[in-house]
Protein backbone atom coordinates (compact mmCIF):
# COMPACT_ATOMS: atom_id res chain seq x y z
CA MET A 1 -80.50 121.37 17.29
CA SER A 2 -77.07 120.12 18.45
CA GLY A 3 -75.73 120.10 14.89
CA GLU A 4 -76.65 123.74 14.25
CA ARG A 5 -74.31 126.61 15.01
CA VAL A 6 -75.75 129.68 16.69
CA GLN A 7 -74.20 133.03 15.85
CA GLU A 8 -74.98 136.42 17.34
CA ARG A 9 -74.12 139.65 15.59
CA SER A 10 -75.16 143.27 15.59
CA VAL A 11 -76.06 145.25 12.47
CA THR A 12 -75.79 149.04 12.73
CA THR A 13 -78.22 151.19 10.77
CA THR A 14 -78.65 154.96 10.60
CA GLU A 15 -81.33 154.81 13.27
CA THR A 16 -80.40 152.06 15.73
CA GLU A 17 -78.36 148.93 16.30
CA ILE A 18 -80.24 145.74 15.41
CA GLU A 19 -79.17 142.54 17.14
CA THR A 20 -79.58 139.40 15.03
CA VAL A 21 -79.08 135.75 15.88
CA ALA A 22 -78.41 133.08 13.23
CA ILE A 23 -79.68 129.60 14.16
CA GLY A 24 -78.91 127.14 11.42
CA ASP A 25 -80.16 128.66 8.17
CA THR A 26 -82.55 131.07 9.91
CA THR A 27 -81.65 134.58 11.08
CA PHE A 28 -83.79 136.24 13.75
CA CYS A 29 -83.96 139.95 14.45
CA VAL A 30 -84.03 139.89 18.26
CA SER A 31 -85.36 143.43 18.60
CA LYS A 32 -88.44 142.59 16.52
CA VAL A 33 -89.62 139.42 18.27
CA SER A 34 -91.81 138.99 21.33
CA GLY A 35 -90.39 138.59 24.82
CA ILE A 36 -91.21 134.87 24.96
CA LYS A 37 -89.61 134.18 21.59
CA ARG A 38 -86.56 136.19 22.62
CA LEU A 39 -86.12 133.82 25.57
CA TYR A 40 -86.25 130.83 23.22
CA ILE A 41 -83.67 132.47 20.95
CA LYS A 42 -81.35 133.08 23.89
CA ALA A 43 -81.85 129.49 25.04
CA ALA A 44 -80.85 128.28 21.57
CA THR A 45 -77.46 129.99 21.98
CA LEU A 46 -76.58 127.70 24.90
CA ASP A 47 -75.90 124.64 22.72
CA ARG A 48 -72.10 124.74 23.01
CA PHE A 49 -72.21 125.57 26.71
CA GLY A 50 -74.62 122.68 27.23
CA MET A 51 -72.38 120.29 25.30
CA GLY A 52 -69.42 121.24 27.46
CA LEU A 53 -71.47 120.83 30.61
CA LEU A 54 -72.71 117.43 29.44
CA ARG A 55 -69.18 116.24 28.71
CA LEU A 56 -67.91 117.56 32.07
CA GLY A 57 -70.73 115.73 33.87
CA LEU A 58 -69.80 112.46 32.18
CA VAL A 59 -66.15 112.86 33.16
CA ILE A 60 -66.98 113.61 36.81
CA VAL A 61 -69.37 110.67 37.12
CA LEU A 62 -67.05 108.19 35.40
CA VAL A 63 -63.91 109.14 37.33
CA TRP A 64 -65.79 109.21 40.64
CA ILE A 65 -67.62 105.91 40.15
CA GLY A 66 -64.50 104.28 38.74
CA ALA A 67 -62.48 105.31 41.79
CA LEU A 68 -65.16 103.91 44.10
CA LYS A 69 -64.71 100.48 42.52
CA PHE A 70 -61.53 100.20 44.63
CA ALA A 71 -63.67 100.29 47.81
CA ASP A 72 -64.68 96.88 49.16
CA TYR A 73 -68.33 97.85 49.72
CA GLU A 74 -68.71 98.93 46.09
CA ALA A 75 -67.04 95.75 44.84
CA GLU A 76 -69.41 93.65 46.94
CA GLY A 77 -72.42 95.69 45.80
CA ILE A 78 -72.00 94.81 42.12
CA VAL A 79 -71.70 91.06 42.74
CA PRO A 80 -75.37 90.28 41.92
CA LEU A 81 -75.11 92.24 38.65
CA VAL A 82 -71.93 90.55 37.47
CA ALA A 83 -72.73 87.06 38.75
CA ASN A 84 -76.08 86.90 36.92
CA SER A 85 -74.83 88.43 33.68
CA PRO A 86 -74.15 85.98 30.83
CA LEU A 87 -71.67 88.55 29.50
CA MET A 88 -69.62 88.93 32.68
CA SER A 89 -70.21 86.03 35.09
CA PHE A 90 -67.07 84.22 33.88
CA PHE A 91 -64.98 86.81 35.76
CA TYR A 92 -66.09 85.23 39.05
CA HIS A 93 -64.98 81.86 40.37
CA TYR A 94 -68.16 80.60 42.06
CA PRO A 95 -71.66 79.76 40.70
CA ALA A 96 -74.05 82.68 40.32
CA ARG A 97 -76.50 82.08 43.16
CA GLU A 98 -73.85 81.31 45.80
CA TYR A 99 -73.26 85.00 46.44
CA ARG A 100 -76.61 85.31 48.23
CA HIS A 101 -75.10 83.69 51.32
CA TYR A 102 -72.28 86.23 51.48
CA MET A 103 -73.93 89.59 50.88
CA ASN A 104 -72.98 92.51 53.14
CA ARG A 105 -74.81 95.74 53.78
CA GLU A 106 -72.86 98.85 52.81
CA GLY A 107 -70.34 99.61 55.55
CA GLU A 108 -70.71 96.17 57.13
CA ILE A 109 -67.63 94.01 57.73
CA ILE A 110 -68.03 90.25 58.06
CA PRO A 111 -64.63 88.51 57.78
CA ALA A 112 -66.10 85.24 56.46
CA HIS A 113 -67.91 87.12 53.69
CA GLN A 114 -64.78 89.07 52.81
CA ARG A 115 -62.80 85.84 52.50
CA TRP A 116 -65.43 84.42 50.16
CA ASN A 117 -65.32 87.57 48.02
CA GLU A 118 -61.54 87.42 47.87
CA SER A 119 -61.60 83.83 46.65
CA ASN A 120 -64.44 84.67 44.25
CA GLY A 121 -62.32 87.34 42.55
CA THR A 122 -64.79 90.05 43.56
CA TYR A 123 -62.23 92.68 44.53
CA VAL A 124 -59.79 92.01 41.70
CA PHE A 125 -62.54 92.29 39.09
CA SER A 126 -63.94 95.47 40.65
CA ARG A 127 -60.55 97.18 40.61
CA GLY A 128 -60.00 96.25 36.99
CA LEU A 129 -63.45 97.59 36.14
CA GLY A 130 -62.67 100.77 38.06
CA ILE A 131 -59.52 101.34 36.02
CA LEU A 132 -61.49 100.89 32.81
CA ILE A 133 -64.22 103.34 33.88
CA VAL A 134 -61.69 105.99 34.94
CA LEU A 135 -59.89 105.51 31.63
CA ILE A 136 -63.12 106.09 29.70
CA GLY A 137 -63.66 109.30 31.66
CA LEU A 138 -60.15 110.53 30.89
CA LEU A 139 -60.55 109.70 27.20
CA ILE A 140 -63.73 111.77 27.03
CA ALA A 141 -61.96 114.59 28.91
CA SER A 142 -59.31 114.79 26.17
CA TYR A 143 -61.82 116.47 23.81
CA PRO A 144 -60.25 119.98 23.78
CA ILE A 145 -56.87 118.58 22.66
CA LEU A 146 -57.65 115.23 20.99
CA PRO A 147 -61.28 115.06 19.87
CA GLN A 148 -60.58 111.82 17.97
CA VAL A 149 -59.50 110.19 21.25
CA SER A 150 -62.56 111.58 23.00
CA THR A 151 -64.66 109.93 20.29
CA VAL A 152 -63.20 106.56 21.25
CA GLY A 153 -64.04 107.25 24.90
CA SER A 154 -67.68 107.99 24.02
CA LEU A 155 -67.86 104.80 21.97
CA LEU A 156 -66.57 102.77 24.93
CA LEU A 157 -69.15 104.48 27.15
CA ILE A 158 -71.91 103.44 24.75
CA LEU A 159 -70.79 99.81 25.06
CA MET A 160 -70.56 100.11 28.84
CA SER A 161 -74.04 101.66 29.12
CA VAL A 162 -75.62 98.97 26.94
CA THR A 163 -73.97 96.29 29.11
CA THR A 164 -75.22 97.97 32.28
CA LEU A 165 -78.78 98.20 30.93
CA SER A 166 -78.67 94.48 30.13
CA PHE A 167 -78.65 93.87 33.91
CA LEU A 168 -82.35 94.78 33.86
CA VAL A 169 -82.91 91.50 32.06
CA SER A 170 -80.38 89.26 33.80
CA THR A 171 -80.48 90.34 37.47
CA PRO A 172 -83.47 89.35 39.66
CA GLU A 173 -82.52 91.92 42.33
CA VAL A 174 -83.38 94.88 40.08
CA TRP A 175 -87.10 94.19 40.58
CA VAL A 176 -89.11 94.44 43.80
CA PRO A 177 -89.40 90.91 45.26
CA ALA A 178 -92.76 89.27 45.96
CA LEU A 179 -92.96 89.66 49.75
CA GLY A 180 -96.67 90.26 50.06
CA ALA A 181 -97.31 93.56 48.32
CA SER A 182 -99.00 93.58 44.93
CA THR A 183 -96.34 95.91 43.54
CA HIS A 184 -93.58 93.45 42.72
CA GLY A 185 -91.78 92.26 39.59
CA PHE A 186 -91.99 94.21 36.34
CA PRO A 187 -92.33 97.23 36.12
CA TYR A 188 -91.56 97.88 39.79
CA LEU A 189 -87.85 98.64 39.97
CA SER A 190 -85.93 98.13 43.20
CA GLY A 191 -83.27 100.57 44.41
CA ALA A 192 -80.67 98.82 42.28
CA GLY A 193 -82.99 98.83 39.28
CA ARG A 194 -83.70 102.53 39.62
CA LEU A 195 -79.97 103.22 39.52
CA ILE A 196 -79.45 101.03 36.45
CA ILE A 197 -82.29 102.53 34.40
CA LYS A 198 -80.56 105.91 34.66
CA ASP A 199 -77.87 104.54 32.37
CA ALA A 200 -80.35 105.19 29.57
CA ILE A 201 -79.46 108.87 30.08
CA MET A 202 -75.75 107.97 30.10
CA LEU A 203 -76.25 106.13 26.81
CA GLY A 204 -77.89 109.13 25.18
CA ALA A 205 -75.17 111.46 26.45
CA ALA A 206 -72.49 109.11 25.09
CA VAL A 207 -74.08 109.13 21.63
CA VAL A 208 -74.31 112.94 21.60
CA THR A 209 -70.68 113.43 22.70
CA LEU A 210 -69.56 110.76 20.22
CA SER A 211 -71.17 112.69 17.36
CA ASP A 212 -69.85 116.04 18.57
CA SER A 213 -66.26 114.80 19.04
CA ALA A 214 -66.21 113.09 15.65
CA SER A 215 -67.61 116.22 13.99
CA THR A 216 -64.98 118.42 15.65
CA TRP A 217 -62.15 116.13 14.54
CA LEU A 218 -63.42 115.96 10.95
CA LYS A 219 -63.65 119.76 10.79
CA LYS A 220 -60.07 120.06 12.06
CA GLN A 221 -58.93 117.59 9.43
CA SER A 222 -60.77 119.58 6.76
CA VAL A 223 -59.10 122.83 7.85
CA ILE A 224 -55.66 121.19 7.88
CA GLY A 225 -56.26 119.63 4.46
CA HIS A 226 -57.42 122.95 3.03
CA ALA A 227 -54.36 124.73 4.45
CA MET A 228 -52.00 122.11 3.01
CA THR A 229 -53.66 122.36 -0.39
CA LYS A 230 -53.39 126.14 -0.32
CA ASN A 231 -49.71 126.03 0.62
CA THR A 232 -48.77 123.52 -2.08
CA SER A 233 -50.73 125.13 -4.93
CA PRO A 234 -47.97 127.66 -5.89
CA LEU A 235 -45.49 124.78 -6.16
CA ARG A 236 -47.88 122.88 -8.42
CA ARG A 237 -48.26 125.93 -10.66
CA ALA A 238 -44.47 126.29 -10.86
CA LEU A 239 -44.13 122.67 -11.88
């Protein structure tokens, strides 16, 4: 129901004030519906609040995660994803499987591993990626002023989410390894895999905000065009 506008209004009669809510093409008389249905009607009025909350959540996540890409542990953590990806592996300098000898646990410092990551381009790539992710977040945040720019940010987020989800196919570490238990391989996601699959939610949110931003911009353009036409019509009549 994201495309429908919800309007509340009160109609005064000689006997009482009747509260009505318009949802799309349907108008409900709130005072004449059951308690349960009244709750659903009230919930339907939260669409714009929910859209704002969704957009705010995207901005917070993107800016936060993008900033973390400047931390060494985060840069090292994405090495398996990037190294195994046919879309991104060319950013690194060494063959894909070599990274397995230089993996650190989060918070761990091993100078030899850090030197390998420096020569591999791990940190440089991660910082560049971080800048891109923060930029996408800021583009989406521009919605109140520049909805057309926010639309571009949502489009970039769609591309980023699709790329991230492709790691489920290209990265062996996203599945539980065969170490003896019967629950390994597909569909048993590892910790990394469980984080990646959540980008399906990010993808859906990006599509929704893309549509909403584009719709807002088109409506603004329509209002401006109508105002310009109205202002120039007396001149046309004079001519």
